[in-house]
Amino acid sequence: MGSVEKDISHDHIYLSNISVEKDCHQARNSSDTRRRVIRKKCDIQTEEDRQMYFRRRTLNNASCRISRIHRRTKLDLIHKKCAEYEDLNTKLIRQEGILFEVINQLKEHLRSLVSNDIPTNE
């Protein structure tokens, strides 16, 4: 196949895809299937629009309320764990201090035992 024939077949395929895309866009944007978007109170034009708007607002408010409750519960749990970890940290710091004291006392005791057992060569 020559380069001219490739270009022709490529253009033909491309044009057929464009026509399919146009058909899809026309079907998607047709007035029969298109729903009106009501995002703000000023977009309300009919009673049905008003009912849909307030239904969506009610659902959204309920969803936000549940989300806030979950977020507060999670935050309270995090605060409780933080307090527990702070208490545990202070306990561990105290235990570490006690263990260092015990280790130092044992070292001193060992040094005193070792220094007494070494005979002097004088």
PDB file of N, CA and C in Angstrom:
ATOM      1  N   MET A   1       0.850  -1.170   0.000  1.00  0.00           N
ATOM      2  CA  MET A   1       0.000   0.000   0.000  1.00  0.00           C
ATOM      3  C   MET A   1       0.893   1.227   0.000  1.00  0.00           C
ATOM      4  N   GLY A   2       0.604   2.164  -0.878  1.00  0.00           N
ATOM      5  CA  GLY A   2       1.402   3.379  -0.952  1.00  0.00           C
ATOM      6  C   GLY A   2       1.027   4.343   0.151  1.00  0.00           C
ATOM      7  N   SER A   3       1.819   5.378   0.305  1.00  0.00           N
ATOM      8  CA  SER A   3       1.572   6.348   1.372  1.00  0.00           C
ATOM      9  C   SER A   3       0.270   7.105   1.140  1.00  0.00           C
ATOM     10  N   VAL A   4      -0.084   7.337  -0.128  1.00  0.00           N
ATOM     11  CA  VAL A   4      -1.335   8.036  -0.428  1.00  0.00           C
ATOM     12  C   VAL A   4      -2.510   7.164  -0.023  1.00  0.00           C
ATOM     13  N   GLU A   5      -2.415   5.872  -0.299  1.00  0.00           N
ATOM     14  CA  GLU A   5      -3.500   4.962   0.069  1.00  0.00           C
ATOM     15  C   GLU A   5      -3.633   4.857   1.585  1.00  0.00           C
ATOM     16  N   LYS A   6      -2.510   4.856   2.312  1.00  0.00           N
ATOM     17  CA  LYS A   6      -2.561   4.813   3.777  1.00  0.00           C
ATOM     18  C   LYS A   6      -3.257   6.056   4.322  1.00  0.00           C
ATOM     19  N   ASP A   7      -2.913   7.217   3.756  1.00  0.00           N
ATOM     20  CA  ASP A   7      -3.531   8.459   4.213  1.00  0.00           C
ATOM     21  C   ASP A   7      -5.028   8.446   3.960  1.00  0.00           C
ATOM     22  N   ILE A   8      -5.412   7.936   2.817  1.00  0.00           N
ATOM     23  CA  ILE A   8      -6.841   7.898   2.480  1.00  0.00           C
ATOM     24  C   ILE A   8      -7.578   6.975   3.436  1.00  0.00           C
ATOM     25  N   SER A   9      -7.037   5.775   3.681  1.00  0.00           N
ATOM     26  CA  SER A   9      -7.722   4.840   4.578  1.00  0.00           C
ATOM     27  C   SER A   9      -7.729   5.381   6.011  1.00  0.00           C
ATOM     28  N   HIS A  10      -6.637   6.022   6.411  1.00  0.00           N
ATOM     29  CA  HIS A  10      -6.584   6.602   7.756  1.00  0.00           C
ATOM     30  C   HIS A  10      -7.630   7.698   7.896  1.00  0.00           C
ATOM     31  N   ASP A  11      -7.725   8.577   6.915  1.00  0.00           N
ATOM     32  CA  ASP A  11      -8.708   9.654   6.963  1.00  0.00           C
ATOM     33  C   ASP A  11     -10.119   9.096   6.979  1.00  0.00           C
ATOM     34  N   HIS A  12     -10.348   8.031   6.217  1.00  0.00           N
ATOM     35  CA  HIS A  12     -11.669   7.421   6.173  1.00  0.00           C
ATOM     36  C   HIS A  12     -12.042   6.871   7.556  1.00  0.00           C
ATOM     37  N   ILE A  13     -11.102   6.190   8.197  1.00  0.00           N
ATOM     38  CA  ILE A  13     -11.362   5.645   9.534  1.00  0.00           C
ATOM     39  C   ILE A  13     -11.604   6.782  10.520  1.00  0.00           C
ATOM     40  N   TYR A  14     -10.798   7.814  10.420  1.00  0.00           N
ATOM     41  CA  TYR A  14     -10.933   8.947  11.327  1.00  0.00           C
ATOM     42  C   TYR A  14     -12.286   9.628  11.140  1.00  0.00           C
ATOM     43  N   LEU A  15     -12.705   9.816   9.900  1.00  0.00           N
ATOM     44  CA  LEU A  15     -13.992  10.457   9.637  1.00  0.00           C
ATOM     45  C   LEU A  15     -15.143   9.608  10.144  1.00  0.00           C
ATOM     46  N   SER A  16     -15.041   8.299  10.006  1.00  0.00           N
ATOM     47  CA  SER A  16     -16.123   7.446  10.496  1.00  0.00           C
ATOM     48  C   SER A  16     -16.207   7.528  12.019  1.00  0.00           C
ATOM     49  N   ASN A  17     -15.073   7.649  12.701  1.00  0.00           N
ATOM     50  CA  ASN A  17     -15.095   7.796  14.162  1.00  0.00           C
ATOM     51  C   ASN A  17     -15.711   9.125  14.571  1.00  0.00           C
ATOM     52  N   ILE A  18     -15.431  10.169  13.828  1.00  0.00           N
ATOM     53  CA  ILE A  18     -15.995  11.483  14.151  1.00  0.00           C
ATOM     54  C   ILE A  18     -17.509  11.454  14.013  1.00  0.00           C
ATOM     55  N   SER A  19     -18.017  10.787  12.985  1.00  0.00           N
ATOM     56  CA  SER A  19     -19.469  10.734  12.813  1.00  0.00           C
ATOM     57  C   SER A  19     -20.119   9.969  13.961  1.00  0.00           C
ATOM     58  N   VAL A  20     -19.468   8.922  14.449  1.00  0.00           N
ATOM     59  CA  VAL A  20     -20.010   8.175  15.593  1.00  0.00           C
ATOM     60  C   VAL A  20     -20.007   9.055  16.835  1.00  0.00           C
ATOM     61  N   GLU A  21     -18.919   9.812  17.037  1.00  0.00           N
ATOM     62  CA  GLU A  21     -18.848  10.702  18.189  1.00  0.00           C
ATOM     63  C   GLU A  21     -19.917  11.779  18.117  1.00  0.00           C
ATOM     64  N   LYS A  22     -20.175  12.323  16.923  1.00  0.00           N
ATOM     65  CA  LYS A  22     -21.214  13.344  16.778  1.00  0.00           C
ATOM     66  C   LYS A  22     -22.573  12.765  17.132  1.00  0.00           C
ATOM     67  N   ASP A  23     -22.844  11.531  16.680  1.00  0.00           N
ATOM     68  CA  ASP A  23     -24.117  10.895  16.999  1.00  0.00           C
ATOM     69  C   ASP A  23     -24.278  10.740  18.510  1.00  0.00           C
ATOM     70  N   CYS A  24     -23.199  10.358  19.189  1.00  0.00           N
ATOM     71  CA  CYS A  24     -23.259  10.196  20.645  1.00  0.00           C
ATOM     72  C   CYS A  24     -23.524  11.528  21.329  1.00  0.00           C
ATOM     73  N   HIS A  25     -22.848  12.585  20.870  1.00  0.00           N
ATOM     74  CA  HIS A  25     -23.039  13.896  21.476  1.00  0.00           C
ATOM     75  C   HIS A  25     -24.454  14.406  21.232  1.00  0.00           C
ATOM     76  N   GLN A  26     -24.988  14.160  20.049  1.00  0.00           N
ATOM     77  CA  GLN A  26     -26.344  14.612  19.761  1.00  0.00           C
ATOM     78  C   GLN A  26     -27.348  13.869  20.630  1.00  0.00           C
ATOM     79  N   ALA A  27     -27.145  12.573  20.815  1.00  0.00           N
ATOM     80  CA  ALA A  27     -28.063  11.806  21.646  1.00  0.00           C
ATOM     81  C   ALA A  27     -27.951  12.250  23.104  1.00  0.00           C
ATOM     82  N   ARG A  28     -26.751  12.552  23.532  1.00  0.00           N
ATOM     83  CA  ARG A  28     -26.533  12.950  24.917  1.00  0.00           C
ATOM     84  C   ARG A  28     -27.112  14.337  25.188  1.00  0.00           C
ATOM     85  N   ASN A  29     -27.046  15.221  24.214  1.00  0.00           N
ATOM     86  CA  ASN A  29     -27.484  16.595  24.410  1.00  0.00           C
ATOM     87  C   ASN A  29     -28.898  16.864  23.915  1.00  0.00           C
ATOM     88  N   SER A  30     -29.608  15.849  23.511  1.00  0.00           N
ATOM     89  CA  SER A  30     -30.960  16.086  23.009  1.00  0.00           C
ATOM     90  C   SER A  30     -31.856  16.539  24.157  1.00  0.00           C
ATOM     91  N   SER A  31     -32.857  17.320  23.831  1.00  0.00           N
ATOM     92  CA  SER A  31     -33.725  17.897  24.860  1.00  0.00           C
ATOM     93  C   SER A  31     -34.598  16.836  25.517  1.00  0.00           C
ATOM     94  N   ASP A  32     -34.820  15.706  24.830  1.00  0.00           N
ATOM     95  CA  ASP A  32     -35.666  14.661  25.404  1.00  0.00           C
ATOM     96  C   ASP A  32     -34.969  13.964  26.574  1.00  0.00           C
ATOM     97  N   THR A  33     -33.684  13.693  26.413  1.00  0.00           N
ATOM     98  CA  THR A  33     -32.979  12.919  27.434  1.00  0.00           C
ATOM     99  C   THR A  33     -32.240  13.794  28.435  1.00  0.00           C
ATOM    100  N   ARG A  34     -32.053  15.060  28.134  1.00  0.00           N
ATOM    101  CA  ARG A  34     -31.264  15.927  29.008  1.00  0.00           C
ATOM    102  C   ARG A  34     -32.077  16.365  30.221  1.00  0.00           C
ATOM    103  N   ARG A  35     -31.482  16.229  31.400  1.00  0.00           N
ATOM    104  CA  ARG A  35     -32.128  16.684  32.626  1.00  0.00           C
ATOM    105  C   ARG A  35     -31.625  18.071  32.958  1.00  0.00           C
ATOM    106  N   ARG A  36     -32.480  18.844  33.532  1.00  0.00           N
ATOM    107  CA  ARG A  36     -32.060  20.178  33.934  1.00  0.00           C
ATOM    108  C   ARG A  36     -31.229  20.076  35.196  1.00  0.00           C
ATOM    109  N   VAL A  37     -30.195  20.864  35.245  1.00  0.00           N
ATOM    110  CA  VAL A  37     -29.308  20.872  36.397  1.00  0.00           C
ATOM    111  C   VAL A  37     -29.751  21.979  37.336  1.00  0.00           C
ATOM    112  N   ILE A  38     -30.038  21.593  38.561  1.00  0.00           N
ATOM    113  CA  ILE A  38     -30.480  22.556  39.562  1.00  0.00           C
ATOM    114  C   ILE A  38     -29.477  22.485  40.701  1.00  0.00           C
ATOM    115  N   ARG A  39     -28.589  23.447  40.714  1.00  0.00           N
ATOM    116  CA  ARG A  39     -27.549  23.451  41.741  1.00  0.00           C
ATOM    117  C   ARG A  39     -27.769  24.552  42.765  1.00  0.00           C
ATOM    118  N   LYS A  40     -28.439  25.605  42.369  1.00  0.00           N
ATOM    119  CA  LYS A  40     -28.655  26.739  43.260  1.00  0.00           C
ATOM    120  C   LYS A  40     -30.146  27.006  43.375  1.00  0.00           C
ATOM    121  N   LYS A  41     -30.495  27.733  44.386  1.00  0.00           N
ATOM    122  CA  LYS A  41     -31.899  28.051  44.592  1.00  0.00           C
ATOM    123  C   LYS A  41     -32.453  28.905  43.459  1.00  0.00           C
ATOM    124  N   CYS A  42     -31.600  29.704  42.839  1.00  0.00           N
ATOM    125  CA  CYS A  42     -32.065  30.573  41.753  1.00  0.00           C
ATOM    126  C   CYS A  42     -32.354  29.781  40.470  1.00  0.00           C
ATOM    127  N   ASP A  43     -31.905  28.501  40.380  1.00  0.00           N
ATOM    128  CA  ASP A  43     -32.169  27.675  39.200  1.00  0.00           C
ATOM    129  C   ASP A  43     -33.564  27.055  39.221  1.00  0.00           C
ATOM    130  N   ILE A  44     -34.283  27.194  40.311  1.00  0.00           N
ATOM    131  CA  ILE A  44     -35.602  26.579  40.444  1.00  0.00           C
ATOM    132  C   ILE A  44     -36.598  27.342  39.579  1.00  0.00           C
ATOM    133  N   GLN A  45     -37.333  26.577  38.752  1.00  0.00           N
ATOM    134  CA  GLN A  45     -38.337  27.201  37.890  1.00  0.00           C
ATOM    135  C   GLN A  45     -39.714  26.589  38.077  1.00  0.00           C
ATOM    136  N   THR A  46     -39.777  25.337  38.470  1.00  0.00           N
ATOM    137  CA  THR A  46     -41.073  24.675  38.632  1.00  0.00           C
ATOM    138  C   THR A  46     -41.160  24.082  40.035  1.00  0.00           C
ATOM    139  N   GLU A  47     -42.344  23.603  40.363  1.00  0.00           N
ATOM    140  CA  GLU A  47     -42.555  22.954  41.662  1.00  0.00           C
ATOM    141  C   GLU A  47     -41.734  21.674  41.763  1.00  0.00           C
ATOM    142  N   GLU A  48     -41.640  20.959  40.654  1.00  0.00           N
ATOM    143  CA  GLU A  48     -40.830  19.734  40.641  1.00  0.00           C
ATOM    144  C   GLU A  48     -39.352  20.066  40.902  1.00  0.00           C
ATOM    145  N   ASP A  49     -38.874  21.151  40.312  1.00  0.00           N
ATOM    146  CA  ASP A  49     -37.496  21.588  40.558  1.00  0.00           C
ATOM    147  C   ASP A  49     -37.289  21.911  42.038  1.00  0.00           C
ATOM    148  N   ARG A  50     -38.285  22.583  42.621  1.00  0.00           N
ATOM    149  CA  ARG A  50     -38.182  22.949  44.031  1.00  0.00           C
ATOM    150  C   ARG A  50     -38.129  21.706  44.914  1.00  0.00           C
ATOM    151  N   GLN A  51     -38.984  20.729  44.606  1.00  0.00           N
ATOM    152  CA  GLN A  51     -38.985  19.491  45.389  1.00  0.00           C
ATOM    153  C   GLN A  51     -37.659  18.749  45.252  1.00  0.00           C
ATOM    154  N   MET A  52     -37.137  18.677  44.026  1.00  0.00           N
ATOM    155  CA  MET A  52     -35.847  18.014  43.820  1.00  0.00           C
ATOM    156  C   MET A  52     -34.740  18.744  44.564  1.00  0.00           C
ATOM    157  N   TYR A  53     -34.763  20.076  44.512  1.00  0.00           N
ATOM    158  CA  TYR A  53     -33.733  20.876  45.177  1.00  0.00           C
ATOM    159  C   TYR A  53     -33.760  20.636  46.688  1.00  0.00           C
ATOM    160  N   PHE A  54     -34.953  20.719  47.279  1.00  0.00           N
ATOM    161  CA  PHE A  54     -35.033  20.546  48.726  1.00  0.00           C
ATOM    162  C   PHE A  54     -34.757  19.108  49.143  1.00  0.00           C
ATOM    163  N   ARG A  55     -35.110  18.150  48.307  1.00  0.00           N
ATOM    164  CA  ARG A  55     -34.774  16.748  48.597  1.00  0.00           C
ATOM    165  C   ARG A  55     -33.258  16.576  48.622  1.00  0.00           C
ATOM    166  N   ARG A  56     -32.580  17.138  47.609  1.00  0.00           N
ATOM    167  CA  ARG A  56     -31.117  17.045  47.568  1.00  0.00           C
ATOM    168  C   ARG A  56     -30.484  17.769  48.743  1.00  0.00           C
ATOM    169  N   ARG A  57     -31.018  18.940  49.097  1.00  0.00           N
ATOM    170  CA  ARG A  57     -30.476  19.684  50.236  1.00  0.00           C
ATOM    171  C   ARG A  57     -30.659  18.896  51.533  1.00  0.00           C
ATOM    172  N   THR A  58     -31.833  18.279  51.709  1.00  0.00           N
ATOM    173  CA  THR A  58     -32.092  17.491  52.913  1.00  0.00           C
ATOM    174  C   THR A  58     -31.144  16.303  52.999  1.00  0.00           C
ATOM    175  N   LEU A  59     -30.976  15.600  51.876  1.00  0.00           N
ATOM    176  CA  LEU A  59     -30.050  14.466  51.866  1.00  0.00           C
ATOM    177  C   LEU A  59     -28.624  14.920  52.143  1.00  0.00           C
ATOM    178  N   ASN A  60     -28.244  16.038  51.551  1.00  0.00           N
ATOM    179  CA  ASN A  60     -26.894  16.554  51.764  1.00  0.00           C
ATOM    180  C   ASN A  60     -26.691  16.960  53.223  1.00  0.00           C
ATOM    181  N   ASN A  61     -27.677  17.610  53.813  1.00  0.00           N
ATOM    182  CA  ASN A  61     -27.563  18.010  55.218  1.00  0.00           C
ATOM    183  C   ASN A  61     -27.439  16.795  56.131  1.00  0.00           C
ATOM    184  N   ALA A  62     -28.241  15.767  55.857  1.00  0.00           N
ATOM    185  CA  ALA A  62     -28.158  14.545  56.664  1.00  0.00           C
ATOM    186  C   ALA A  62     -26.793  13.890  56.502  1.00  0.00           C
ATOM    187  N   SER A  63     -26.310  13.851  55.281  1.00  0.00           N
ATOM    188  CA  SER A  63     -24.996  13.264  55.017  1.00  0.00           C
ATOM    189  C   SER A  63     -23.897  14.036  55.737  1.00  0.00           C
ATOM    190  N   CYS A  64     -23.975  15.360  55.700  1.00  0.00           N
ATOM    191  CA  CYS A  64     -22.976  16.190  56.388  1.00  0.00           C
ATOM    192  C   CYS A  64     -23.032  15.972  57.895  1.00  0.00           C
ATOM    193  N   ARG A  65     -24.238  15.844  58.428  1.00  0.00           N
ATOM    194  CA  ARG A  65     -24.389  15.624  59.866  1.00  0.00           C
ATOM    195  C   ARG A  65     -23.734  14.304  60.275  1.00  0.00           C
ATOM    196  N   ILE A  66     -23.995  13.260  59.500  1.00  0.00           N
ATOM    197  CA  ILE A  66     -23.389  11.954  59.785  1.00  0.00           C
ATOM    198  C   ILE A  66     -21.873  12.036  59.665  1.00  0.00           C
ATOM    199  N   SER A  67     -21.400  12.729  58.649  1.00  0.00           N
ATOM    200  CA  SER A  67     -19.956  12.880  58.456  1.00  0.00           C
ATOM    201  C   SER A  67     -19.319  13.616  59.632  1.00  0.00           C
ATOM    202  N   ARG A  68     -19.973  14.664  60.111  1.00  0.00           N
ATOM    203  CA  ARG A  68     -19.431  15.402  61.261  1.00  0.00           C
ATOM    204  C   ARG A  68     -19.402  14.534  62.513  1.00  0.00           C
ATOM    205  N   ILE A  69     -20.443  13.732  62.704  1.00  0.00           N
ATOM    206  CA  ILE A  69     -20.481  12.837  63.868  1.00  0.00           C
ATOM    207  C   ILE A  69     -19.327  11.847  63.801  1.00  0.00           C
ATOM    208  N   HIS A  70     -19.120  11.252  62.636  1.00  0.00           N
ATOM    209  CA  HIS A  70     -18.017  10.298  62.484  1.00  0.00           C
ATOM    210  C   HIS A  70     -16.669  10.985  62.707  1.00  0.00           C
ATOM    211  N   ARG A  71     -16.515  12.179  62.171  1.00  0.00           N
ATOM    212  CA  ARG A  71     -15.251  12.902  62.327  1.00  0.00           C
ATOM    213  C   ARG A  71     -14.995  13.237  63.795  1.00  0.00           C
ATOM    214  N   ARG A  72     -16.036  13.682  64.514  1.00  0.00           N
ATOM    215  CA  ARG A  72     -15.871  13.987  65.941  1.00  0.00           C
ATOM    216  C   ARG A  72     -15.532  12.732  66.731  1.00  0.00           C
ATOM    217  N   THR A  73     -16.210  11.631  66.425  1.00  0.00           N
ATOM    218  CA  THR A  73     -15.934  10.371  67.115  1.00  0.00           C
ATOM    219  C   THR A  73     -14.495   9.946  66.886  1.00  0.00           C
ATOM    220  N   LYS A  74     -14.059  10.046  65.653  1.00  0.00           N
ATOM    221  CA  LYS A  74     -12.681   9.677  65.321  1.00  0.00           C
ATOM    222  C   LYS A  74     -11.691  10.592  66.038  1.00  0.00           C
ATOM    223  N   LEU A  75     -11.977  11.891  66.083  1.00  0.00           N
ATOM    224  CA  LEU A  75     -11.100  12.841  66.752  1.00  0.00           C
ATOM    225  C   LEU A  75     -11.052  12.575  68.259  1.00  0.00           C
ATOM    226  N   ASP A  76     -12.211  12.260  68.868  1.00  0.00           N
ATOM    227  CA  ASP A  76     -12.233  11.924  70.293  1.00  0.00           C
ATOM    228  C   ASP A  76     -11.396  10.682  70.573  1.00  0.00           C
ATOM    229  N   LEU A  77     -11.504   9.688  69.712  1.00  0.00           N
ATOM    230  CA  LEU A  77     -10.715   8.467  69.870  1.00  0.00           C
ATOM    231  C   LEU A  77      -9.224   8.779  69.770  1.00  0.00           C
ATOM    232  N   ILE A  78      -8.860   9.645  68.850  1.00  0.00           N
ATOM    233  CA  ILE A  78      -7.451  10.027  68.695  1.00  0.00           C
ATOM    234  C   ILE A  78      -6.965  10.762  69.944  1.00  0.00           C
ATOM    235  N   HIS A  79      -7.801  11.646  70.519  1.00  0.00           N
ATOM    236  CA  HIS A  79      -7.412  12.361  71.735  1.00  0.00           C
ATOM    237  C   HIS A  79      -7.227  11.392  72.906  1.00  0.00           C
ATOM    238  N   LYS A  80      -8.125  10.396  73.015  1.00  0.00           N
ATOM    239  CA  LYS A  80      -7.994   9.406  74.086  1.00  0.00           C
ATOM    240  C   LYS A  80      -6.702   8.613  73.936  1.00  0.00           C
ATOM    241  N   LYS A  81      -6.417   8.171  72.711  1.00  0.00           N
ATOM    242  CA  LYS A  81      -5.182   7.419  72.479  1.00  0.00           C
ATOM    243  C   LYS A  81      -3.963   8.278  72.769  1.00  0.00           C
ATOM    244  N   CYS A  82      -4.020   9.545  72.410  1.00  0.00           N
ATOM    245  CA  CYS A  82      -2.905  10.461  72.666  1.00  0.00           C
ATOM    246  C   CYS A  82      -2.663  10.576  74.168  1.00  0.00           C
ATOM    247  N   ALA A  83      -3.732  10.721  74.950  1.00  0.00           N
ATOM    248  CA  ALA A  83      -3.585  10.810  76.407  1.00  0.00           C
ATOM    249  C   ALA A  83      -3.007   9.509  76.966  1.00  0.00           C
ATOM    250  N   GLU A  84      -3.488   8.366  76.457  1.00  0.00           N
ATOM    251  CA  GLU A  84      -2.955   7.076  76.908  1.00  0.00           C
ATOM    252  C   GLU A  84      -1.468   6.962  76.595  1.00  0.00           C
ATOM    253  N   TYR A  85      -1.078   7.361  75.405  1.00  0.00           N
ATOM    254  CA  TYR A  85       0.332   7.275  75.025  1.00  0.00           C
ATOM    255  C   TYR A  85       1.194   8.229  75.848  1.00  0.00           C
ATOM    256  N   GLU A  86       0.661   9.400  76.183  1.00  0.00           N
ATOM    257  CA  GLU A  86       1.418  10.325  77.026  1.00  0.00           C
ATOM    258  C   GLU A  86       1.633   9.735  78.416  1.00  0.00           C
ATOM    259  N   ASP A  87       0.577   9.102  78.977  1.00  0.00           N
ATOM    260  CA  ASP A  87       0.726   8.444  80.279  1.00  0.00           C
ATOM    261  C   ASP A  87       1.741   7.309  80.200  1.00  0.00           C
ATOM    262  N   LEU A  88       1.636   6.508  79.151  1.00  0.00           N
ATOM    263  CA  LEU A  88       2.575   5.405  78.968  1.00  0.00           C
ATOM    264  C   LEU A  88       3.997   5.928  78.812  1.00  0.00           C
ATOM    265  N   ASN A  89       4.150   7.033  78.110  1.00  0.00           N
ATOM    266  CA  ASN A  89       5.472   7.620  77.908  1.00  0.00           C
ATOM    267  C   ASN A  89       6.084   8.059  79.239  1.00  0.00           C
ATOM    268  N   THR A  90       5.293   8.710  80.096  1.00  0.00           N
ATOM    269  CA  THR A  90       5.831   9.132  81.396  1.00  0.00           C
ATOM    270  C   THR A  90       6.204   7.921  82.247  1.00  0.00           C
ATOM    271  N   LYS A  91       5.388   6.866  82.207  1.00  0.00           N
ATOM    272  CA  LYS A  91       5.724   5.643  82.948  1.00  0.00           C
ATOM    273  C   LYS A  91       7.027   5.042  82.439  1.00  0.00           C
ATOM    274  N   LEU A  92       7.172   4.976  81.134  1.00  0.00           N
ATOM    275  CA  LEU A  92       8.381   4.386  80.560  1.00  0.00           C
ATOM    276  C   LEU A  92       9.614   5.226  80.872  1.00  0.00           C
ATOM    277  N   ILE A  93       9.468   6.539  80.883  1.00  0.00           N
ATOM    278  CA  ILE A  93      10.600   7.408  81.229  1.00  0.00           C
ATOM    279  C   ILE A  93      11.013   7.165  82.681  1.00  0.00           C
ATOM    280  N   ARG A  94      10.015   7.027  83.585  1.00  0.00           N
ATOM    281  CA  ARG A  94      10.327   6.723  84.987  1.00  0.00           C
ATOM    282  C   ARG A  94      11.031   5.379  85.110  1.00  0.00           C
ATOM    283  N   GLN A  95      10.509   4.361  84.406  1.00  0.00           N
ATOM    284  CA  GLN A  95      11.126   3.030  84.451  1.00  0.00           C
ATOM    285  C   GLN A  95      12.544   3.071  83.896  1.00  0.00           C
ATOM    286  N   GLU A  96      12.750   3.841  82.839  1.00  0.00           N
ATOM    287  CA  GLU A  96      14.085   3.962  82.260  1.00  0.00           C
ATOM    288  C   GLU A  96      15.050   4.574  83.274  1.00  0.00           C
ATOM    289  N   GLY A  97      14.604   5.594  83.989  1.00  0.00           N
ATOM    290  CA  GLY A  97      15.441   6.212  85.019  1.00  0.00           C
ATOM    291  C   GLY A  97      15.788   5.226  86.122  1.00  0.00           C
ATOM    292  N   ILE A  98      14.790   4.459  86.554  1.00  0.00           N
ATOM    293  CA  ILE A  98      15.029   3.454  87.594  1.00  0.00           C
ATOM    294  C   ILE A  98      16.022   2.407  87.106  1.00  0.00           C
ATOM    295  N   LEU A  99      15.851   1.943  85.871  1.00  0.00           N
ATOM    296  CA  LEU A  99      16.766   0.933  85.327  1.00  0.00           C
ATOM    297  C   LEU A  99      18.186   1.476  85.208  1.00  0.00           C
ATOM    298  N   PHE A 100      18.347   2.734  84.812  1.00  0.00           N
ATOM    299  CA  PHE A 100      19.688   3.326  84.750  1.00  0.00           C
ATOM    300  C   PHE A 100      20.323   3.379  86.139  1.00  0.00           C
ATOM    301  N   GLU A 101      19.517   3.723  87.152  1.00  0.00           N
ATOM    302  CA  GLU A 101      20.044   3.744  88.518  1.00  0.00           C
ATOM    303  C   GLU A 101      20.486   2.351  88.952  1.00  0.00           C
ATOM    304  N   VAL A 102      19.658   1.347  88.671  1.00  0.00           N
ATOM    305  CA  VAL A 102      20.003  -0.034  89.038  1.00  0.00           C
ATOM    306  C   VAL A 102      21.270  -0.465  88.315  1.00  0.00           C
ATOM    307  N   ILE A 103      21.372  -0.163  87.040  1.00  0.00           N
ATOM    308  CA  ILE A 103      22.564  -0.536  86.261  1.00  0.00           C
ATOM    309  C   ILE A 103      23.806   0.146  86.831  1.00  0.00           C
ATOM    310  N   ASN A 104      23.710   1.420  87.158  1.00  0.00           N
ATOM    311  CA  ASN A 104      24.853   2.136  87.732  1.00  0.00           C
ATOM    312  C   ASN A 104      25.251   1.554  89.087  1.00  0.00           C
ATOM    313  N   GLN A 105      24.256   1.197  89.909  1.00  0.00           N
ATOM    314  CA  GLN A 105      24.567   0.577  91.202  1.00  0.00           C
ATOM    315  C   GLN A 105      25.254  -0.771  91.008  1.00  0.00           C
ATOM    316  N   LEU A 106      24.761  -1.566  90.051  1.00  0.00           N
ATOM    317  CA  LEU A 106      25.386  -2.864  89.777  1.00  0.00           C
ATOM    318  C   LEU A 106      26.809  -2.689  89.264  1.00  0.00           C
ATOM    319  N   LYS A 107      27.029  -1.689  88.414  1.00  0.00           N
ATOM    320  CA  LYS A 107      28.380  -1.422  87.909  1.00  0.00           C
ATOM    321  C   LYS A 107      29.317  -1.046  89.054  1.00  0.00           C
ATOM    322  N   GLU A 108      28.851  -0.179  89.926  1.00  0.00           N
ATOM    323  CA  GLU A 108      29.674   0.232  91.067  1.00  0.00           C
ATOM    324  C   GLU A 108      29.983  -0.958  91.964  1.00  0.00           C
ATOM    325  N   HIS A 109      28.990  -1.790  92.204  1.00  0.00           N
ATOM    326  CA  HIS A 109      29.195  -2.974  93.036  1.00  0.00           C
ATOM    327  C   HIS A 109      30.205  -3.913  92.377  1.00  0.00           C
ATOM    328  N   LEU A 110      30.084  -4.113  91.064  1.00  0.00           N
ATOM    329  CA  LEU A 110      31.021  -4.974  90.342  1.00  0.00           C
ATOM    330  C   LEU A 110      32.430  -4.394  90.384  1.00  0.00           C
ATOM    331  N   ARG A 111      32.540  -3.092  90.221  1.00  0.00           N
ATOM    332  CA  ARG A 111      33.859  -2.457  90.291  1.00  0.00           C
ATOM    333  C   ARG A 111      34.482  -2.638  91.683  1.00  0.00           C
ATOM    334  N   SER A 112      33.660  -2.508  92.691  1.00  0.00           N
ATOM    335  CA  SER A 112      34.200  -2.667  94.051  1.00  0.00           C
ATOM    336  C   SER A 112      34.637  -4.108  94.298  1.00  0.00           C
ATOM    337  N   LEU A 113      33.902  -5.080  93.752  1.00  0.00           N
ATOM    338  CA  LEU A 113      34.297  -6.482  93.911  1.00  0.00           C
ATOM    339  C   LEU A 113      35.565  -6.782  93.134  1.00  0.00           C
ATOM    340  N   VAL A 114      35.683  -6.286  91.932  1.00  0.00           N
ATOM    341  CA  VAL A 114      36.844  -6.561  91.088  1.00  0.00           C
ATOM    342  C   VAL A 114      38.078  -5.870  91.652  1.00  0.00           C
ATOM    343  N   SER A 115      37.947  -4.680  92.118  1.00  0.00           N
ATOM    344  CA  SER A 115      39.113  -3.954  92.623  1.00  0.00           C
ATOM    345  C   SER A 115      39.640  -4.584  93.912  1.00  0.00           C
ATOM    346  N   ASN A 116      38.791  -5.211  94.705  1.00  0.00           N
ATOM    347  CA  ASN A 116      39.239  -5.848  95.941  1.00  0.00           C
ATOM    348  C   ASN A 116      39.945  -7.171  95.672  1.00  0.00           C
ATOM    349  N   ASP A 117      39.607  -7.865  94.598  1.00  0.00           N
ATOM    350  CA  ASP A 117      40.179  -9.180  94.328  1.00  0.00           C
ATOM    351  C   ASP A 117      41.519  -9.110  93.616  1.00  0.00           C
ATOM    352  N   ILE A 118      41.898  -7.997  93.064  1.00  0.00           N
ATOM    353  CA  ILE A 118      43.154  -7.902  92.322  1.00  0.00           C
ATOM    354  C   ILE A 118      44.313  -7.802  93.333  1.00  0.00           C
ATOM    355  N   PRO A 119      45.264  -8.762  93.279  1.00  0.00           N
ATOM    356  CA  PRO A 119      46.417  -8.678  94.194  1.00  0.00           C
ATOM    357  C   PRO A 119      47.406  -7.645  93.683  1.00  0.00           C
ATOM    358  N   THR A 120      48.018  -6.981  94.579  1.00  0.00           N
ATOM    359  CA  THR A 120      49.027  -5.997  94.193  1.00  0.00           C
ATOM    360  C   THR A 120      50.378  -6.679  94.100  1.00  0.00           C
ATOM    361  N   ASN A 121      51.203  -6.332  93.143  1.00  0.00           N
ATOM    362  CA  ASN A 121      52.500  -6.954  92.902  1.00  0.00           C
ATOM    363  C   ASN A 121      53.629  -6.179  93.564  1.00  0.00           C
ATOM    364  N   GLU A 122      53.435  -5.418  94.483  1.00  0.00           N
ATOM    365  CA  GLU A 122      54.495  -4.636  95.110  1.00  0.00           C
ATOM    366  C   GLU A 122      55.208  -5.378  96.172  1.00  0.00           C
TER     367      GLU A 122
END
